[in-house]
Amino acid sequence: MADNEMAEIQQRATAAMIVAIQAAGQLAQVLIDARIAQLQRAARASEEQARQARAQARAAQQADAAVWRPAMRTAWWRTAGTEDIARVWRAASTWQHVDPRAQQARQTVVDQLAKRAGRATEKPEPAREPDDIEVLSDAVDRAVREATEQSWRPAMSAEAVRDRQERMAAEVRKAWPSGQRAERVLGCEAWGALAYTLDQAQQAGHDVQQLLHGVPSFVDRARTPGAFACRVVQDQLDGRIDLGTVRRDRSPETVENQAVHADPGESVATSSELAVTAARAYPVSTRDAVAGAKTGSDLAGQVPAVEAVEAGLDSPSR
């Protein structure tokens, strides 16, 4: 194949990637607006509906995290295609104002695409911060606290609660001895939920220090540091992040069984299941959005689009 033909193919591939990324970013903006509108509508309706909407927002954030997280590994990029990259960009862009990890995932996409194009690393275009984005951020953090608080509803004495928080505070200060991370987390309104989560993990045999070391160093940049740390710890405990956290009480049989189940094929299947879950979180696929952009639709009719997405967010299947 002639060099000029290869160059033309490369140009067409780059153009397709640009279209896909732009469409994915536009779709993310629509989804953010729809999610905020849903939360505001639920808040006006009743506290129970507001609680359910917050839980849905948290579930959607977890599903999207499962989409962007694999892209943080270099190996993922060896086989990633245009549609895969656009899906990661959409997922990360939807939560970049809420989760610092999503911001990091977007930068990873930019860096990797720059490498593919042989150019210096470029910063992503500044994204518009949606109106009332605090509603979405607070909803995710409140959902974390509410779900955790439901677990400790059985009455505990004030002395027992104080003892738990003092023990876990010592663990936090030990894990983060320098800087303001520890004090910002301990002073957060969500500290009680994090202390409970860490205490339960410790009782189950997990290494609390290892869990805390798995929390990104930029935890103090989160809107609610305690809730963000709690999210990351819960993700580790649920197996959504593999950071080497182990249980001290594992038997040899358990270790052997886990080694058997850790084959690459099964990991891919699990990732696929999570990707399907994430795809079901939204009624509009990235592929459809890209097709629309290619025909010049440009997602210009954002009001009907928001209404359609809101309908999907409210569907019983969510």
C-alpha atoms as a PDB file:
ATOM      1  CA  MET A   1       0.000   0.000   0.000  1.00  0.00           C
ATOM      2  CA  ALA A   2       1.364   3.404  -0.983  1.00  0.00           C
ATOM      3  CA  ASP A   3       2.383   5.913   1.635  1.00  0.00           C
ATOM      4  CA  ASN A   4      -0.238   8.409   0.462  1.00  0.00           C
ATOM      5  CA  GLU A   5      -2.978   5.786   0.872  1.00  0.00           C
ATOM      6  CA  MET A   6      -1.801   5.019   4.401  1.00  0.00           C
ATOM      7  CA  ALA A   7      -1.769   8.725   5.194  1.00  0.00           C
ATOM      8  CA  GLU A   8      -5.314   9.098   3.891  1.00  0.00           C
ATOM      9  CA  ILE A   9      -6.516   6.176   6.008  1.00  0.00           C
ATOM     10  CA  GLN A  10      -4.829   7.682   9.054  1.00  0.00           C
ATOM     11  CA  GLN A  11      -6.510  11.032   8.388  1.00  0.00           C
ATOM     12  CA  ARG A  12      -9.917   9.376   8.046  1.00  0.00           C
ATOM     13  CA  ALA A  13      -9.372   7.420  11.279  1.00  0.00           C
ATOM     14  CA  THR A  14      -8.389  10.600  13.103  1.00  0.00           C
ATOM     15  CA  ALA A  15     -11.456  12.410  11.768  1.00  0.00           C
ATOM     16  CA  ALA A  16     -13.706   9.567  12.896  1.00  0.00           C
ATOM     17  CA  MET A  17     -12.154   9.656  16.354  1.00  0.00           C
ATOM     18  CA  ILE A  18     -12.700  13.408  16.633  1.00  0.00           C
ATOM     19  CA  VAL A  19     -16.356  13.002  15.660  1.00  0.00           C
ATOM     20  CA  ALA A  20     -16.815  10.193  18.174  1.00  0.00           C
ATOM     21  CA  ILE A  21     -15.217  12.148  21.019  1.00  0.00           C
ATOM     22  CA  GLN A  22     -17.216  15.281  20.239  1.00  0.00           C
ATOM     23  CA  ALA A  23     -20.476  13.337  20.115  1.00  0.00           C
ATOM     24  CA  ALA A  24     -19.646  11.523  23.342  1.00  0.00           C
ATOM     25  CA  GLY A  25     -18.941  14.837  25.062  1.00  0.00           C
ATOM     26  CA  GLN A  26     -22.228  16.299  23.828  1.00  0.00           C
ATOM     27  CA  LEU A  27     -24.091  13.232  25.029  1.00  0.00           C
ATOM     28  CA  ALA A  28     -22.462  13.555  28.456  1.00  0.00           C
ATOM     29  CA  GLN A  29     -23.719  17.134  28.728  1.00  0.00           C
ATOM     30  CA  VAL A  30     -27.278  16.020  27.953  1.00  0.00           C
ATOM     31  CA  LEU A  31     -27.066  13.211  30.499  1.00  0.00           C
ATOM     32  CA  ILE A  32     -25.770  15.535  33.216  1.00  0.00           C
ATOM     33  CA  ASP A  33     -28.610  17.987  32.635  1.00  0.00           C
ATOM     34  CA  ALA A  34     -31.149  15.163  32.627  1.00  0.00           C
ATOM     35  CA  ARG A  35     -29.805  13.664  35.839  1.00  0.00           C
ATOM     36  CA  ILE A  36     -29.880  17.041  37.612  1.00  0.00           C
ATOM     37  CA  ALA A  37     -33.439  17.678  36.402  1.00  0.00           C
ATOM     38  CA  GLN A  38     -34.498  14.267  37.681  1.00  0.00           C
ATOM     39  CA  LEU A  39     -32.993  14.932  41.106  1.00  0.00           C
ATOM     40  CA  GLN A  40     -34.629  18.350  41.355  1.00  0.00           C
ATOM     41  CA  ARG A  41     -38.000  16.964  40.310  1.00  0.00           C
ATOM     42  CA  ALA A  42     -37.753  14.164  42.843  1.00  0.00           C
ATOM     43  CA  ALA A  43     -36.777  16.609  45.604  1.00  0.00           C
ATOM     44  CA  ARG A  44     -39.917  18.627  44.938  1.00  0.00           C
ATOM     45  CA  ALA A  45     -42.069  15.497  45.018  1.00  0.00           C
ATOM     46  CA  SER A  46     -41.163  13.831  48.323  1.00  0.00           C
ATOM     47  CA  GLU A  47     -38.214  12.834  50.464  1.00  0.00           C
ATOM     48  CA  GLU A  48     -38.697   9.175  49.532  1.00  0.00           C
ATOM     49  CA  GLN A  49     -38.533   9.933  45.809  1.00  0.00           C
ATOM     50  CA  ALA A  50     -35.510  12.138  46.425  1.00  0.00           C
ATOM     51  CA  ARG A  51     -33.795   9.297  48.269  1.00  0.00           C
ATOM     52  CA  GLN A  52     -34.533   6.881  45.422  1.00  0.00           C
ATOM     53  CA  ALA A  53     -33.237   9.364  42.843  1.00  0.00           C
ATOM     54  CA  ARG A  54     -30.023   9.798  44.839  1.00  0.00           C
ATOM     55  CA  ALA A  55     -29.581   6.032  44.997  1.00  0.00           C
ATOM     56  CA  GLN A  56     -30.074   5.836  41.211  1.00  0.00           C
ATOM     57  CA  ALA A  57     -27.480   8.543  40.670  1.00  0.00           C
ATOM     58  CA  ARG A  58     -24.983   6.658  42.821  1.00  0.00           C
ATOM     59  CA  ALA A  59     -25.671   3.410  40.932  1.00  0.00           C
ATOM     60  CA  ALA A  60     -25.172   5.176  37.596  1.00  0.00           C
ATOM     61  CA  GLN A  61     -21.917   6.692  38.838  1.00  0.00           C
ATOM     62  CA  GLN A  62     -20.672   3.239  39.863  1.00  0.00           C
ATOM     63  CA  ALA A  63     -21.655   1.773  36.492  1.00  0.00           C
ATOM     64  CA  ASP A  64     -19.831   4.523  34.597  1.00  0.00           C
ATOM     65  CA  ALA A  65     -16.784   4.125  36.826  1.00  0.00           C
ATOM     66  CA  ALA A  66     -16.669   0.505  35.659  1.00  0.00           C
ATOM     67  CA  VAL A  67     -16.490   1.851  32.087  1.00  0.00           C
ATOM     68  CA  TRP A  68     -13.708   4.401  32.547  1.00  0.00           C
ATOM     69  CA  ARG A  69     -11.590   2.466  35.038  1.00  0.00           C
ATOM     70  CA  PRO A  70     -10.121  -0.106  32.578  1.00  0.00           C
ATOM     71  CA  ALA A  71      -8.874   2.773  30.405  1.00  0.00           C
ATOM     72  CA  MET A  72      -6.510   3.751  33.221  1.00  0.00           C
ATOM     73  CA  ARG A  73      -4.457   0.646  32.416  1.00  0.00           C
ATOM     74  CA  THR A  74      -1.989   0.757  29.541  1.00  0.00           C
ATOM     75  CA  ALA A  75      -2.952  -2.744  28.408  1.00  0.00           C
ATOM     76  CA  TRP A  76      -6.519  -1.616  27.669  1.00  0.00           C
ATOM     77  CA  TRP A  77      -5.304   0.720  24.942  1.00  0.00           C
ATOM     78  CA  ARG A  78      -3.688  -2.061  22.937  1.00  0.00           C
ATOM     79  CA  THR A  79      -7.070  -3.231  21.681  1.00  0.00           C
ATOM     80  CA  ALA A  80      -9.263  -0.164  22.253  1.00  0.00           C
ATOM     81  CA  GLY A  81     -11.184   1.016  19.218  1.00  0.00           C
ATOM     82  CA  THR A  82     -12.961   4.260  18.424  1.00  0.00           C
ATOM     83  CA  GLU A  83     -16.241   3.150  19.997  1.00  0.00           C
ATOM     84  CA  ASP A  84     -14.477   1.954  23.164  1.00  0.00           C
ATOM     85  CA  ILE A  85     -12.633   5.233  23.587  1.00  0.00           C
ATOM     86  CA  ALA A  86     -15.768   7.294  22.937  1.00  0.00           C
ATOM     87  CA  ARG A  87     -17.650   5.257  25.547  1.00  0.00           C
ATOM     88  CA  VAL A  88     -14.930   5.948  28.125  1.00  0.00           C
ATOM     89  CA  TRP A  89     -14.948   9.650  27.245  1.00  0.00           C
ATOM     90  CA  ARG A  90     -18.734   9.820  27.674  1.00  0.00           C
ATOM     91  CA  ALA A  91     -18.648   7.973  31.012  1.00  0.00           C
ATOM     92  CA  ALA A  92     -15.806  10.064  32.425  1.00  0.00           C
ATOM     93  CA  SER A  93     -17.232  13.341  31.110  1.00  0.00           C
ATOM     94  CA  THR A  94     -20.572  12.632  32.768  1.00  0.00           C
ATOM     95  CA  TRP A  95     -18.970  12.564  36.228  1.00  0.00           C
ATOM     96  CA  GLN A  96     -15.855  14.729  35.879  1.00  0.00           C
ATOM     97  CA  HIS A  97     -17.414  17.486  37.998  1.00  0.00           C
ATOM     98  CA  VAL A  98     -18.340  14.982  40.719  1.00  0.00           C
ATOM     99  CA  ASP A  99     -15.472  12.499  40.874  1.00  0.00           C
ATOM    100  CA  PRO A 100     -11.776  13.451  40.589  1.00  0.00           C
ATOM    101  CA  ARG A 101     -11.127   9.941  39.260  1.00  0.00           C
ATOM    102  CA  ALA A 102     -13.287  10.751  36.246  1.00  0.00           C
ATOM    103  CA  GLN A 103     -11.192  13.867  35.594  1.00  0.00           C
ATOM    104  CA  GLN A 104      -8.089  11.679  35.718  1.00  0.00           C
ATOM    105  CA  ALA A 105      -9.642   9.222  33.252  1.00  0.00           C
ATOM    106  CA  ARG A 106     -10.363  12.036  30.783  1.00  0.00           C
ATOM    107  CA  GLN A 107      -6.755  13.185  30.968  1.00  0.00           C
ATOM    108  CA  THR A 108      -5.620   9.614  30.340  1.00  0.00           C
ATOM    109  CA  VAL A 109      -7.698   9.562  27.157  1.00  0.00           C
ATOM    110  CA  VAL A 110      -6.130  12.828  26.006  1.00  0.00           C
ATOM    111  CA  ASP A 111      -2.612  11.565  26.741  1.00  0.00           C
ATOM    112  CA  GLN A 112      -3.153   8.252  24.958  1.00  0.00           C
ATOM    113  CA  LEU A 113      -4.692   9.877  21.878  1.00  0.00           C
ATOM    114  CA  ALA A 114      -1.790  12.313  21.741  1.00  0.00           C
ATOM    115  CA  LYS A 115       0.602   9.370  21.723  1.00  0.00           C
ATOM    116  CA  ARG A 116      -1.327   7.713  18.911  1.00  0.00           C
ATOM    117  CA  ALA A 117      -1.190  10.892  16.865  1.00  0.00           C
ATOM    118  CA  GLY A 118       2.493  11.439  17.653  1.00  0.00           C
ATOM    119  CA  ARG A 119       1.842  14.854  19.144  1.00  0.00           C
ATOM    120  CA  ALA A 120       2.702  16.408  22.484  1.00  0.00           C
ATOM    121  CA  THR A 121       0.159  15.884  25.230  1.00  0.00           C
ATOM    122  CA  GLU A 122      -2.711  18.348  25.010  1.00  0.00           C
ATOM    123  CA  LYS A 123      -5.026  19.395  27.779  1.00  0.00           C
ATOM    124  CA  PRO A 124      -8.702  18.559  27.280  1.00  0.00           C
ATOM    125  CA  GLU A 125     -10.960  21.368  26.201  1.00  0.00           C
ATOM    126  CA  PRO A 126     -12.469  23.035  29.264  1.00  0.00           C
ATOM    127  CA  ALA A 127     -15.896  21.559  29.786  1.00  0.00           C
ATOM    128  CA  ARG A 128     -18.851  23.712  30.702  1.00  0.00           C
ATOM    129  CA  GLU A 129     -19.774  23.191  34.330  1.00  0.00           C
ATOM    130  CA  PRO A 130     -23.493  22.489  34.215  1.00  0.00           C
ATOM    131  CA  ASP A 131     -25.872  24.684  36.164  1.00  0.00           C
ATOM    132  CA  ASP A 132     -26.666  23.293  39.607  1.00  0.00           C
ATOM    133  CA  ILE A 133     -23.911  20.670  39.338  1.00  0.00           C
ATOM    134  CA  GLU A 134     -23.797  20.782  43.143  1.00  0.00           C
ATOM    135  CA  VAL A 135     -27.162  18.994  43.099  1.00  0.00           C
ATOM    136  CA  LEU A 136     -25.613  16.001  41.362  1.00  0.00           C
ATOM    137  CA  SER A 137     -22.461  15.995  43.471  1.00  0.00           C
ATOM    138  CA  ASP A 138     -24.374  16.271  46.724  1.00  0.00           C
ATOM    139  CA  ALA A 139     -26.790  13.547  45.618  1.00  0.00           C
ATOM    140  CA  VAL A 140     -24.006  11.017  45.069  1.00  0.00           C
ATOM    141  CA  ASP A 141     -22.374  11.865  48.394  1.00  0.00           C
ATOM    142  CA  ARG A 142     -25.683  11.765  50.275  1.00  0.00           C
ATOM    143  CA  ALA A 143     -26.502   8.404  48.695  1.00  0.00           C
ATOM    144  CA  VAL A 144     -23.234   7.022  50.067  1.00  0.00           C
ATOM    145  CA  ARG A 145     -24.043   8.295  53.548  1.00  0.00           C
ATOM    146  CA  GLU A 146     -27.659   7.140  53.453  1.00  0.00           C
ATOM    147  CA  ALA A 147     -26.804   3.635  52.273  1.00  0.00           C
ATOM    148  CA  THR A 148     -24.177   3.328  55.002  1.00  0.00           C
ATOM    149  CA  GLU A 149     -26.370   4.782  57.719  1.00  0.00           C
ATOM    150  CA  GLN A 150     -29.054   2.206  56.954  1.00  0.00           C
ATOM    151  CA  SER A 151     -26.519  -0.447  57.902  1.00  0.00           C
ATOM    152  CA  TRP A 152     -25.907   0.974  61.383  1.00  0.00           C
ATOM    153  CA  ARG A 153     -29.479   1.838  62.306  1.00  0.00           C
ATOM    154  CA  PRO A 154     -29.553  -0.642  65.211  1.00  0.00           C
ATOM    155  CA  ALA A 155     -29.056   1.540  68.262  1.00  0.00           C
ATOM    156  CA  MET A 156     -25.504   1.987  69.497  1.00  0.00           C
ATOM    157  CA  SER A 157     -24.458   3.827  72.597  1.00  0.00           C
ATOM    158  CA  ALA A 158     -22.757   7.172  72.160  1.00  0.00           C
ATOM    159  CA  GLU A 159     -19.708   5.689  73.835  1.00  0.00           C
ATOM    160  CA  ALA A 160     -19.518   2.832  71.312  1.00  0.00           C
ATOM    161  CA  VAL A 161     -19.842   5.240  68.377  1.00  0.00           C
ATOM    162  CA  ARG A 162     -17.163   7.506  69.861  1.00  0.00           C
ATOM    163  CA  ASP A 163     -14.835   4.547  70.415  1.00  0.00           C
ATOM    164  CA  ARG A 164     -15.267   3.381  66.820  1.00  0.00           C
ATOM    165  CA  GLN A 165     -14.588   6.818  65.419  1.00  0.00           C
ATOM    166  CA  GLU A 166     -11.504   7.297  67.594  1.00  0.00           C
ATOM    167  CA  ARG A 167     -10.055   3.951  66.510  1.00  0.00           C
ATOM    168  CA  MET A 168     -10.686   4.642  62.841  1.00  0.00           C
ATOM    169  CA  ALA A 169      -9.401   8.211  63.139  1.00  0.00           C
ATOM    170  CA  ALA A 170      -6.123   6.776  64.377  1.00  0.00           C
ATOM    171  CA  GLU A 171      -6.016   4.535  61.298  1.00  0.00           C
ATOM    172  CA  VAL A 172      -6.677   7.501  58.982  1.00  0.00           C
ATOM    173  CA  ARG A 173      -3.934   9.606  60.564  1.00  0.00           C
ATOM    174  CA  LYS A 174      -1.537   6.665  60.356  1.00  0.00           C
ATOM    175  CA  ALA A 175      -2.294   6.167  56.640  1.00  0.00           C
ATOM    176  CA  TRP A 176      -2.023   9.896  55.826  1.00  0.00           C
ATOM    177  CA  PRO A 177       0.490  11.354  58.302  1.00  0.00           C
ATOM    178  CA  SER A 178       1.310  14.465  56.286  1.00  0.00           C
ATOM    179  CA  GLY A 179      -0.695  17.203  54.653  1.00  0.00           C
ATOM    180  CA  GLN A 180      -4.339  18.062  55.198  1.00  0.00           C
ATOM    181  CA  ARG A 181      -5.909  14.873  53.874  1.00  0.00           C
ATOM    182  CA  ALA A 182      -6.557  13.243  57.222  1.00  0.00           C
ATOM    183  CA  GLU A 183      -7.972  16.337  58.906  1.00  0.00           C
ATOM    184  CA  ARG A 184     -10.195  17.246  55.965  1.00  0.00           C
ATOM    185  CA  VAL A 185     -11.643  13.744  55.915  1.00  0.00           C
ATOM    186  CA  LEU A 186     -12.065  13.602  59.690  1.00  0.00           C
ATOM    187  CA  GLY A 187     -13.782  16.989  59.683  1.00  0.00           C
ATOM    188  CA  CYS A 188     -16.201  16.031  56.906  1.00  0.00           C
ATOM    189  CA  GLU A 189     -19.904  15.487  57.564  1.00  0.00           C
ATOM    190  CA  ALA A 190     -19.564  12.027  56.024  1.00  0.00           C
ATOM    191  CA  TRP A 191     -16.844  10.963  58.456  1.00  0.00           C
ATOM    192  CA  GLY A 192     -19.305   8.807  60.425  1.00  0.00           C
ATOM    193  CA  ALA A 193     -20.156   6.769  57.329  1.00  0.00           C
ATOM    194  CA  LEU A 194     -16.475   6.259  56.474  1.00  0.00           C
ATOM    195  CA  ALA A 195     -15.630   5.286  60.062  1.00  0.00           C
ATOM    196  CA  TYR A 196     -18.418   2.714  60.052  1.00  0.00           C
ATOM    197  CA  THR A 197     -17.326   1.303  56.665  1.00  0.00           C
ATOM    198  CA  LEU A 198     -13.697   0.998  57.773  1.00  0.00           C
ATOM    199  CA  ASP A 199     -14.672  -0.591  61.086  1.00  0.00           C
ATOM    200  CA  GLN A 200     -16.864  -3.178  59.374  1.00  0.00           C
ATOM    201  CA  ALA A 201     -14.078  -3.935  56.891  1.00  0.00           C
ATOM    202  CA  GLN A 202     -11.605  -4.421  59.724  1.00  0.00           C
ATOM    203  CA  GLN A 203     -13.971  -6.772  61.531  1.00  0.00           C
ATOM    204  CA  ALA A 204     -14.320  -8.764  58.298  1.00  0.00           C
ATOM    205  CA  GLY A 205     -10.549  -9.196  58.167  1.00  0.00           C
ATOM    206  CA  HIS A 206      -9.549  -6.527  55.653  1.00  0.00           C
ATOM    207  CA  ASP A 207      -6.404  -4.480  56.075  1.00  0.00           C
ATOM    208  CA  VAL A 208      -7.674  -0.963  56.821  1.00  0.00           C
ATOM    209  CA  GLN A 209      -4.308   0.614  56.046  1.00  0.00           C
ATOM    210  CA  GLN A 210      -4.280  -1.003  52.628  1.00  0.00           C
ATOM    211  CA  LEU A 211      -7.810   0.209  51.950  1.00  0.00           C
ATOM    212  CA  LEU A 212      -6.893   3.768  52.905  1.00  0.00           C
ATOM    213  CA  HIS A 213      -3.738   3.667  50.802  1.00  0.00           C
ATOM    214  CA  GLY A 214      -6.021   2.811  47.888  1.00  0.00           C
ATOM    215  CA  VAL A 215      -7.789   6.173  48.221  1.00  0.00           C
ATOM    216  CA  PRO A 216      -6.331   8.648  45.687  1.00  0.00           C
ATOM    217  CA  SER A 217      -4.132  11.404  47.101  1.00  0.00           C
ATOM    218  CA  PHE A 218      -6.496  14.019  45.684  1.00  0.00           C
ATOM    219  CA  VAL A 219      -9.258  13.004  48.112  1.00  0.00           C
ATOM    220  CA  ASP A 220      -9.015  16.442  49.712  1.00  0.00           C
ATOM    221  CA  ARG A 221     -10.082  18.025  46.391  1.00  0.00           C
ATOM    222  CA  ALA A 222     -13.445  16.266  46.495  1.00  0.00           C
ATOM    223  CA  ARG A 223     -16.504  18.300  47.456  1.00  0.00           C
ATOM    224  CA  THR A 224     -17.174  15.954  50.376  1.00  0.00           C
ATOM    225  CA  PRO A 225     -13.838  14.233  51.139  1.00  0.00           C
ATOM    226  CA  GLY A 226     -15.272  11.752  53.648  1.00  0.00           C
ATOM    227  CA  ALA A 227     -17.952  10.584  51.224  1.00  0.00           C
ATOM    228  CA  PHE A 228     -15.461  10.330  48.361  1.00  0.00           C
ATOM    229  CA  ALA A 229     -13.098   8.241  50.505  1.00  0.00           C
ATOM    230  CA  CYS A 230     -16.049   6.091  51.538  1.00  0.00           C
ATOM    231  CA  ARG A 231     -16.954   5.565  47.868  1.00  0.00           C
ATOM    232  CA  VAL A 232     -13.438   4.398  47.019  1.00  0.00           C
ATOM    233  CA  VAL A 233     -13.259   2.079  50.022  1.00  0.00           C
ATOM    234  CA  GLN A 234     -16.649   0.580  49.157  1.00  0.00           C
ATOM    235  CA  ASP A 235     -15.524   0.087  45.548  1.00  0.00           C
ATOM    236  CA  GLN A 236     -12.514  -1.849  46.808  1.00  0.00           C
ATOM    237  CA  LEU A 237     -14.611  -3.979  49.145  1.00  0.00           C
ATOM    238  CA  ASP A 238     -17.133  -4.686  46.378  1.00  0.00           C
ATOM    239  CA  GLY A 239     -14.350  -5.781  44.053  1.00  0.00           C
ATOM    240  CA  ARG A 240     -14.786  -2.889  41.602  1.00  0.00           C
ATOM    241  CA  ILE A 241     -11.173  -1.864  42.176  1.00  0.00           C
ATOM    242  CA  ASP A 242      -8.414  -4.427  42.525  1.00  0.00           C
ATOM    243  CA  LEU A 243      -5.734  -2.747  44.596  1.00  0.00           C
ATOM    244  CA  GLY A 244      -4.410  -5.855  46.293  1.00  0.00           C
ATOM    245  CA  THR A 245      -6.557  -5.521  49.389  1.00  0.00           C
ATOM    246  CA  VAL A 246      -6.564  -8.873  51.133  1.00  0.00           C
ATOM    247  CA  ARG A 247      -8.334 -10.502  54.000  1.00  0.00           C
ATOM    248  CA  ARG A 248      -6.041 -11.607  56.806  1.00  0.00           C
ATOM    249  CA  ASP A 249      -8.294 -14.566  57.626  1.00  0.00           C
ATOM    250  CA  ARG A 250      -8.102 -16.238  54.220  1.00  0.00           C
ATOM    251  CA  SER A 251      -7.575 -19.962  54.339  1.00  0.00           C
ATOM    252  CA  PRO A 252      -5.233 -21.754  51.895  1.00  0.00           C
ATOM    253  CA  GLU A 253      -8.320 -23.153  50.160  1.00  0.00           C
ATOM    254  CA  THR A 254      -9.712 -19.648  49.674  1.00  0.00           C
ATOM    255  CA  VAL A 255      -6.433 -18.401  48.243  1.00  0.00           C
ATOM    256  CA  GLU A 256      -6.318 -21.349  45.849  1.00  0.00           C
ATOM    257  CA  ASN A 257      -9.889 -20.791  44.728  1.00  0.00           C
ATOM    258  CA  GLN A 258      -9.243 -17.091  44.139  1.00  0.00           C
ATOM    259  CA  ALA A 259      -6.177 -17.936  42.071  1.00  0.00           C
ATOM    260  CA  VAL A 260      -8.274 -20.277  39.934  1.00  0.00           C
ATOM    261  CA  HIS A 261     -10.903 -17.613  39.370  1.00  0.00           C
ATOM    262  CA  ALA A 262      -8.370 -14.927  38.490  1.00  0.00           C
ATOM    263  CA  ASP A 263      -7.805 -16.063  34.899  1.00  0.00           C
ATOM    264  CA  PRO A 264      -7.907 -13.343  32.203  1.00  0.00           C
ATOM    265  CA  GLY A 265     -10.911 -14.821  30.440  1.00  0.00           C
ATOM    266  CA  GLU A 266     -13.113 -14.514  33.485  1.00  0.00           C
ATOM    267  CA  SER A 267     -11.899 -10.964  34.112  1.00  0.00           C
ATOM    268  CA  VAL A 268     -12.949 -10.004  30.605  1.00  0.00           C
ATOM    269  CA  ALA A 269     -16.367 -11.564  31.125  1.00  0.00           C
ATOM    270  CA  THR A 270     -16.858  -9.644  34.351  1.00  0.00           C
ATOM    271  CA  SER A 271     -15.835  -6.407  32.664  1.00  0.00           C
ATOM    272  CA  SER A 272     -18.298  -7.124  29.871  1.00  0.00           C
ATOM    273  CA  GLU A 273     -21.100  -7.606  32.365  1.00  0.00           C
ATOM    274  CA  LEU A 274     -20.261  -4.294  34.005  1.00  0.00           C
ATOM    275  CA  ALA A 275     -20.148  -2.602  30.625  1.00  0.00           C
ATOM    276  CA  VAL A 276     -23.615  -3.953  29.827  1.00  0.00           C
ATOM    277  CA  THR A 277     -24.878  -2.606  33.137  1.00  0.00           C
ATOM    278  CA  ALA A 278     -23.397   0.781  32.320  1.00  0.00           C
ATOM    279  CA  ALA A 279     -24.932   0.763  28.847  1.00  0.00           C
ATOM    280  CA  ARG A 280     -28.361   0.069  30.292  1.00  0.00           C
ATOM    281  CA  ALA A 281     -28.014   3.111  32.531  1.00  0.00           C
ATOM    282  CA  TYR A 282     -28.712   5.345  29.532  1.00  0.00           C
ATOM    283  CA  PRO A 283     -31.169   4.976  26.642  1.00  0.00           C
ATOM    284  CA  VAL A 284     -28.937   6.605  24.008  1.00  0.00           C
ATOM    285  CA  SER A 285     -25.855   4.703  22.860  1.00  0.00           C
ATOM    286  CA  THR A 286     -22.617   6.381  21.877  1.00  0.00           C
ATOM    287  CA  ARG A 287     -22.897   4.712  18.485  1.00  0.00           C
ATOM    288  CA  ASP A 288     -26.263   6.425  17.859  1.00  0.00           C
ATOM    289  CA  ALA A 289     -24.841   9.747  19.006  1.00  0.00           C
ATOM    290  CA  VAL A 290     -21.866   9.394  16.660  1.00  0.00           C
ATOM    291  CA  ALA A 291     -24.172   8.520  13.757  1.00  0.00           C
ATOM    292  CA  GLY A 292     -26.229  11.599  14.515  1.00  0.00           C
ATOM    293  CA  ALA A 293     -23.159  13.793  14.579  1.00  0.00           C
ATOM    294  CA  LYS A 294     -21.972  12.419  11.252  1.00  0.00           C
ATOM    295  CA  THR A 295     -25.290  13.380   9.610  1.00  0.00           C
ATOM    296  CA  GLY A 296     -24.991  16.878  11.000  1.00  0.00           C
ATOM    297  CA  SER A 297     -27.589  16.586  13.724  1.00  0.00           C
ATOM    298  CA  ASP A 298     -25.045  17.847  16.264  1.00  0.00           C
ATOM    299  CA  LEU A 299     -27.534  16.988  19.014  1.00  0.00           C
ATOM    300  CA  ALA A 300     -28.909  20.469  18.406  1.00  0.00           C
ATOM    301  CA  GLY A 301     -32.350  19.677  19.779  1.00  0.00           C
ATOM    302  CA  GLN A 302     -31.206  19.357  23.364  1.00  0.00           C
ATOM    303  CA  VAL A 303     -34.619  19.989  24.935  1.00  0.00           C
ATOM    304  CA  PRO A 304     -36.256  16.917  23.299  1.00  0.00           C
ATOM    305  CA  ALA A 305     -33.058  14.973  23.959  1.00  0.00           C
ATOM    306  CA  VAL A 306     -33.149  15.812  27.654  1.00  0.00           C
ATOM    307  CA  GLU A 307     -36.802  14.824  27.841  1.00  0.00           C
ATOM    308  CA  ALA A 308     -36.032  11.486  26.190  1.00  0.00           C
ATOM    309  CA  VAL A 309     -33.126  10.788  28.536  1.00  0.00           C
ATOM    310  CA  GLU A 310     -35.199  11.786  31.575  1.00  0.00           C
ATOM    311  CA  ALA A 311     -37.838   9.282  30.516  1.00  0.00           C
ATOM    312  CA  GLY A 312     -35.176   6.590  30.395  1.00  0.00           C
ATOM    313  CA  LEU A 313     -33.791   7.572  33.793  1.00  0.00           C
ATOM    314  CA  ASP A 314     -37.263   7.273  35.315  1.00  0.00           C
ATOM    315  CA  SER A 315     -38.047   3.901  33.749  1.00  0.00           C
ATOM    316  CA  PRO A 316     -38.693   0.944  36.099  1.00  0.00           C
ATOM    317  CA  SER A 317     -35.743  -0.922  34.611  1.00  0.00           C
ATOM    318  CA  ARG A 318     -33.399   1.537  36.334  1.00  0.00           C
END
